[in-house]
Amino acid sequence: MVSITERAAAKIKQLMAVENKEGQGLRLKVVGGGCSGLQYKMDLDTQRPGDKVIERDGARVLVDMKSLLYLNGTELDYKEELLQSAFVFQNPNVKHACGCGTSFTV
């Protein structure tokens, strides 16, 4: 299962409103690429057959079953800092992450 923090849920709802994507969700995917072999991908999308749907405070996260194998146990957070604001993955399955922080291995 993937969990969503309160901050991440608020940001997802804000994105859906700004992009006029009410009723859709934030799709999380794990795809091949990056210097460590795997990387995260996010899109605003509609639910597809077989998707796992995680909801918190009206925000929806959509994960396909293949990506769920890599994301199981992950917490999705959103951090706003002085120089950078971004979604942050706390994934217990990651064995190694690259120096740039965008790719990983399990």
N, C-alpha and C. Protein backbone atom coordinates (compact mmCIF):
# COMPACT_ATOMS: atom_id res chain seq x y z
N MET A 1 0.84 -1.18 0.00
CA MET A 1 0.00 0.00 0.00
C MET A 1 0.88 1.24 0.00
N VAL A 2 0.39 2.30 -0.58
CA VAL A 2 1.06 3.61 -0.59
C VAL A 2 0.27 4.52 0.33
N SER A 3 0.96 5.31 1.14
CA SER A 3 0.28 6.27 2.00
C SER A 3 0.58 7.69 1.52
N ILE A 4 -0.33 8.60 1.84
CA ILE A 4 -0.24 9.99 1.41
C ILE A 4 -0.28 10.87 2.65
N THR A 5 0.69 11.77 2.78
CA THR A 5 0.67 12.69 3.92
C THR A 5 -0.39 13.77 3.68
N GLU A 6 -0.72 14.47 4.75
CA GLU A 6 -1.68 15.56 4.66
C GLU A 6 -1.20 16.64 3.68
N ARG A 7 0.09 16.97 3.72
CA ARG A 7 0.66 17.99 2.81
C ARG A 7 0.55 17.55 1.36
N ALA A 8 0.84 16.27 1.10
CA ALA A 8 0.76 15.76 -0.28
C ALA A 8 -0.68 15.78 -0.76
N ALA A 9 -1.62 15.39 0.09
CA ALA A 9 -3.03 15.41 -0.29
C ALA A 9 -3.48 16.83 -0.64
N ALA A 10 -3.07 17.80 0.16
CA ALA A 10 -3.45 19.19 -0.11
C ALA A 10 -2.88 19.66 -1.45
N LYS A 11 -1.63 19.30 -1.75
CA LYS A 11 -1.00 19.71 -3.01
C LYS A 11 -1.67 19.03 -4.20
N ILE A 12 -2.01 17.75 -4.06
CA ILE A 12 -2.70 17.04 -5.14
C ILE A 12 -4.03 17.71 -5.44
N LYS A 13 -4.80 18.03 -4.41
CA LYS A 13 -6.09 18.70 -4.62
C LYS A 13 -5.90 20.06 -5.28
N GLN A 14 -4.87 20.79 -4.88
CA GLN A 14 -4.58 22.09 -5.48
C GLN A 14 -4.24 21.92 -6.97
N LEU A 15 -3.42 20.94 -7.31
CA LEU A 15 -3.06 20.69 -8.71
C LEU A 15 -4.29 20.33 -9.55
N MET A 16 -5.15 19.50 -9.00
CA MET A 16 -6.36 19.10 -9.72
C MET A 16 -7.26 20.31 -10.00
N ALA A 17 -7.37 21.20 -9.04
CA ALA A 17 -8.20 22.38 -9.22
C ALA A 17 -7.60 23.33 -10.26
N VAL A 18 -6.30 23.58 -10.17
CA VAL A 18 -5.63 24.50 -11.10
C VAL A 18 -5.69 23.96 -12.53
N GLU A 19 -5.49 22.67 -12.69
CA GLU A 19 -5.47 22.05 -14.02
C GLU A 19 -6.86 21.65 -14.50
N ASN A 20 -7.89 21.96 -13.70
CA ASN A 20 -9.27 21.62 -14.03
C ASN A 20 -9.42 20.12 -14.30
N LYS A 21 -8.86 19.32 -13.41
CA LYS A 21 -8.87 17.86 -13.54
C LYS A 21 -9.68 17.23 -12.40
N GLU A 22 -10.71 17.91 -11.96
CA GLU A 22 -11.54 17.38 -10.87
C GLU A 22 -12.00 15.97 -11.20
N GLY A 23 -11.97 15.09 -10.22
CA GLY A 23 -12.39 13.71 -10.41
C GLY A 23 -11.29 12.80 -10.90
N GLN A 24 -10.14 13.36 -11.25
CA GLN A 24 -9.01 12.54 -11.67
C GLN A 24 -8.07 12.37 -10.48
N GLY A 25 -6.86 11.90 -10.75
CA GLY A 25 -5.92 11.69 -9.66
C GLY A 25 -4.50 11.86 -10.13
N LEU A 26 -3.58 11.77 -9.18
CA LEU A 26 -2.16 11.83 -9.47
C LEU A 26 -1.68 10.40 -9.68
N ARG A 27 -1.24 10.10 -10.91
CA ARG A 27 -0.74 8.76 -11.21
C ARG A 27 0.73 8.67 -10.85
N LEU A 28 1.08 7.64 -10.05
CA LEU A 28 2.46 7.34 -9.71
C LEU A 28 2.88 6.12 -10.49
N LYS A 29 4.02 6.19 -11.15
CA LYS A 29 4.54 5.07 -11.90
C LYS A 29 6.03 4.91 -11.61
N VAL A 30 6.49 3.71 -11.75
CA VAL A 30 7.92 3.43 -11.73
C VAL A 30 8.26 2.95 -13.13
N VAL A 31 9.21 3.63 -13.77
CA VAL A 31 9.61 3.30 -15.14
C VAL A 31 11.12 3.10 -15.18
N GLY A 32 11.57 2.39 -16.20
CA GLY A 32 12.99 2.20 -16.39
C GLY A 32 13.65 3.49 -16.82
N GLY A 33 14.87 3.72 -16.34
CA GLY A 33 15.61 4.91 -16.74
C GLY A 33 16.43 5.48 -15.61
N GLY A 34 17.14 6.53 -15.91
CA GLY A 34 18.00 7.15 -14.91
C GLY A 34 19.28 6.38 -14.73
N CYS A 35 20.19 6.92 -13.98
CA CYS A 35 21.51 6.29 -13.82
C CYS A 35 21.49 5.07 -12.92
N SER A 36 20.42 4.86 -12.13
CA SER A 36 20.36 3.69 -11.26
C SER A 36 19.39 2.62 -11.77
N GLY A 37 18.69 2.90 -12.87
CA GLY A 37 17.85 1.87 -13.47
C GLY A 37 16.35 2.09 -13.41
N LEU A 38 15.85 2.69 -12.34
CA LEU A 38 14.42 2.96 -12.19
C LEU A 38 14.22 4.41 -11.78
N GLN A 39 13.08 4.96 -12.16
CA GLN A 39 12.75 6.32 -11.73
C GLN A 39 11.25 6.47 -11.59
N TYR A 40 10.86 7.47 -10.80
CA TYR A 40 9.45 7.76 -10.58
C TYR A 40 8.94 8.65 -11.71
N LYS A 41 7.66 8.47 -12.03
CA LYS A 41 6.99 9.33 -13.00
C LYS A 41 5.63 9.67 -12.42
N MET A 42 5.21 10.93 -12.59
CA MET A 42 3.91 11.37 -12.09
C MET A 42 3.17 12.12 -13.19
N ASP A 43 1.87 11.86 -13.29
CA ASP A 43 1.00 12.53 -14.25
C ASP A 43 -0.37 12.71 -13.63
N LEU A 44 -1.10 13.68 -14.10
CA LEU A 44 -2.51 13.80 -13.76
C LEU A 44 -3.26 12.91 -14.73
N ASP A 45 -4.11 12.02 -14.23
CA ASP A 45 -4.69 11.00 -15.10
C ASP A 45 -6.03 10.54 -14.55
N THR A 46 -6.73 9.75 -15.38
CA THR A 46 -7.98 9.13 -14.96
C THR A 46 -7.70 7.69 -14.54
N GLN A 47 -8.60 7.15 -13.75
CA GLN A 47 -8.45 5.79 -13.27
C GLN A 47 -8.60 4.81 -14.43
N ARG A 48 -7.76 3.76 -14.42
CA ARG A 48 -7.80 2.71 -15.43
C ARG A 48 -8.13 1.38 -14.75
N PRO A 49 -8.65 0.42 -15.52
CA PRO A 49 -8.93 -0.89 -14.93
C PRO A 49 -7.67 -1.49 -14.31
N GLY A 50 -7.80 -2.04 -13.12
CA GLY A 50 -6.67 -2.66 -12.43
C GLY A 50 -5.87 -1.71 -11.56
N ASP A 51 -6.14 -0.42 -11.62
CA ASP A 51 -5.41 0.54 -10.78
C ASP A 51 -5.76 0.36 -9.31
N LYS A 52 -4.77 0.56 -8.46
CA LYS A 52 -5.00 0.68 -7.03
C LYS A 52 -5.23 2.18 -6.78
N VAL A 53 -6.33 2.52 -6.11
CA VAL A 53 -6.66 3.92 -5.84
C VAL A 53 -6.50 4.16 -4.35
N ILE A 54 -5.68 5.15 -4.02
CA ILE A 54 -5.46 5.53 -2.63
C ILE A 54 -6.03 6.93 -2.46
N GLU A 55 -6.85 7.12 -1.45
CA GLU A 55 -7.48 8.43 -1.23
C GLU A 55 -7.18 8.94 0.17
N ARG A 56 -7.01 10.26 0.24
CA ARG A 56 -6.87 10.93 1.53
C ARG A 56 -7.41 12.33 1.39
N ASP A 57 -8.34 12.70 2.24
CA ASP A 57 -8.90 14.05 2.30
C ASP A 57 -9.36 14.54 0.92
N GLY A 58 -9.91 13.64 0.11
CA GLY A 58 -10.41 14.02 -1.21
C GLY A 58 -9.38 13.98 -2.32
N ALA A 59 -8.13 13.69 -2.01
CA ALA A 59 -7.09 13.57 -3.03
C ALA A 59 -6.96 12.10 -3.43
N ARG A 60 -6.76 11.86 -4.72
CA ARG A 60 -6.65 10.49 -5.23
C ARG A 60 -5.28 10.26 -5.84
N VAL A 61 -4.69 9.11 -5.51
CA VAL A 61 -3.44 8.66 -6.12
C VAL A 61 -3.74 7.35 -6.82
N LEU A 62 -3.29 7.24 -8.07
CA LEU A 62 -3.54 6.06 -8.89
C LEU A 62 -2.23 5.34 -9.14
N VAL A 63 -2.21 4.02 -8.92
CA VAL A 63 -0.98 3.24 -9.11
C VAL A 63 -1.34 1.96 -9.86
N ASP A 64 -0.64 1.70 -10.97
CA ASP A 64 -0.86 0.44 -11.68
C ASP A 64 -0.20 -0.69 -10.88
N MET A 65 -0.64 -1.91 -11.12
CA MET A 65 -0.19 -3.04 -10.30
C MET A 65 1.31 -3.32 -10.44
N LYS A 66 1.89 -3.11 -11.61
CA LYS A 66 3.33 -3.32 -11.78
C LYS A 66 4.12 -2.32 -10.93
N SER A 67 3.73 -1.06 -10.97
CA SER A 67 4.42 -0.04 -10.19
C SER A 67 4.24 -0.26 -8.70
N LEU A 68 3.08 -0.81 -8.32
CA LEU A 68 2.81 -1.06 -6.90
C LEU A 68 3.82 -2.04 -6.30
N LEU A 69 4.36 -2.94 -7.12
CA LEU A 69 5.39 -3.86 -6.62
C LEU A 69 6.60 -3.09 -6.10
N TYR A 70 6.96 -1.98 -6.75
CA TYR A 70 8.10 -1.16 -6.35
C TYR A 70 7.74 -0.12 -5.29
N LEU A 71 6.45 0.26 -5.24
CA LEU A 71 6.02 1.34 -4.36
C LEU A 71 5.37 0.87 -3.06
N ASN A 72 5.18 -0.42 -2.89
CA ASN A 72 4.51 -0.93 -1.70
C ASN A 72 5.23 -0.46 -0.43
N GLY A 73 4.50 0.17 0.47
CA GLY A 73 5.06 0.69 1.71
C GLY A 73 5.57 2.12 1.61
N THR A 74 5.47 2.72 0.43
CA THR A 74 5.98 4.08 0.21
C THR A 74 5.04 5.12 0.80
N GLU A 75 5.63 6.17 1.35
CA GLU A 75 4.88 7.34 1.80
C GLU A 75 5.17 8.47 0.82
N LEU A 76 4.10 9.08 0.29
CA LEU A 76 4.23 10.23 -0.59
C LEU A 76 4.01 11.49 0.24
N ASP A 77 5.01 12.36 0.25
CA ASP A 77 4.93 13.61 1.00
C ASP A 77 5.14 14.76 0.03
N TYR A 78 4.88 15.97 0.48
CA TYR A 78 5.17 17.17 -0.30
C TYR A 78 5.91 18.13 0.60
N LYS A 79 7.07 18.59 0.14
CA LYS A 79 7.88 19.50 0.95
C LYS A 79 8.07 20.81 0.22
N GLU A 80 7.90 21.88 0.96
CA GLU A 80 8.17 23.23 0.44
C GLU A 80 9.33 23.79 1.22
N GLU A 81 10.41 24.06 0.50
CA GLU A 81 11.60 24.63 1.12
C GLU A 81 11.97 25.89 0.37
N LEU A 82 12.91 26.62 0.88
CA LEU A 82 13.29 27.90 0.30
C LEU A 82 13.70 27.80 -1.17
N LEU A 83 14.51 26.82 -1.51
CA LEU A 83 15.01 26.70 -2.87
C LEU A 83 14.29 25.67 -3.72
N GLN A 84 13.46 24.83 -3.10
CA GLN A 84 12.83 23.76 -3.88
C GLN A 84 11.54 23.30 -3.22
N SER A 85 10.54 23.04 -4.04
CA SER A 85 9.30 22.42 -3.59
C SER A 85 9.04 21.21 -4.46
N ALA A 86 8.71 20.07 -3.84
CA ALA A 86 8.55 18.85 -4.63
C ALA A 86 7.84 17.77 -3.83
N PHE A 87 7.26 16.82 -4.58
CA PHE A 87 6.79 15.59 -3.95
C PHE A 87 8.02 14.77 -3.58
N VAL A 88 7.95 14.11 -2.43
CA VAL A 88 9.07 13.33 -1.92
C VAL A 88 8.57 11.91 -1.64
N PHE A 89 9.30 10.92 -2.12
CA PHE A 89 8.98 9.52 -1.91
C PHE A 89 9.84 8.97 -0.78
N GLN A 90 9.22 8.42 0.24
CA GLN A 90 9.92 7.67 1.28
C GLN A 90 9.63 6.21 1.01
N ASN A 91 10.50 5.59 0.19
CA ASN A 91 10.26 4.24 -0.29
C ASN A 91 11.19 3.25 0.42
N PRO A 92 10.63 2.36 1.25
CA PRO A 92 11.47 1.42 2.00
C PRO A 92 12.10 0.33 1.12
N ASN A 93 11.68 0.23 -0.13
CA ASN A 93 12.19 -0.80 -1.04
C ASN A 93 13.49 -0.39 -1.72
N VAL A 94 13.84 0.89 -1.66
CA VAL A 94 15.02 1.39 -2.35
C VAL A 94 16.29 0.88 -1.67
N LYS A 95 17.13 0.25 -2.44
CA LYS A 95 18.42 -0.25 -1.93
C LYS A 95 19.54 0.74 -2.20
N HIS A 96 19.44 1.48 -3.31
CA HIS A 96 20.46 2.45 -3.69
C HIS A 96 19.79 3.55 -4.52
N ALA A 97 20.15 4.80 -4.25
CA ALA A 97 19.67 5.94 -5.04
C ALA A 97 20.86 6.66 -5.62
N CYS A 98 20.69 7.24 -6.78
CA CYS A 98 21.79 7.95 -7.42
C CYS A 98 22.03 9.28 -6.71
N GLY A 99 23.13 9.92 -7.04
CA GLY A 99 23.49 11.18 -6.42
C GLY A 99 22.51 12.31 -6.69
N CYS A 100 21.86 12.28 -7.86
CA CYS A 100 20.92 13.36 -8.19
C CYS A 100 19.57 13.14 -7.50
N GLY A 101 19.34 11.93 -6.99
CA GLY A 101 18.12 11.65 -6.25
C GLY A 101 16.91 11.34 -7.09
N THR A 102 17.06 11.19 -8.40
CA THR A 102 15.88 10.93 -9.23
C THR A 102 15.74 9.48 -9.68
N SER A 103 16.77 8.67 -9.50
CA SER A 103 16.64 7.27 -9.87
C SER A 103 17.12 6.37 -8.74
N PHE A 104 16.72 5.10 -8.83
CA PHE A 104 16.99 4.19 -7.72
C PHE A 104 17.02 2.75 -8.20
N THR A 105 17.47 1.86 -7.32
CA THR A 105 17.40 0.41 -7.54
C THR A 105 16.72 -0.21 -6.34
N VAL A 106 16.11 -1.38 -6.57
CA VAL A 106 15.45 -2.11 -5.48
C VAL A 106 16.10 -3.47 -5.32
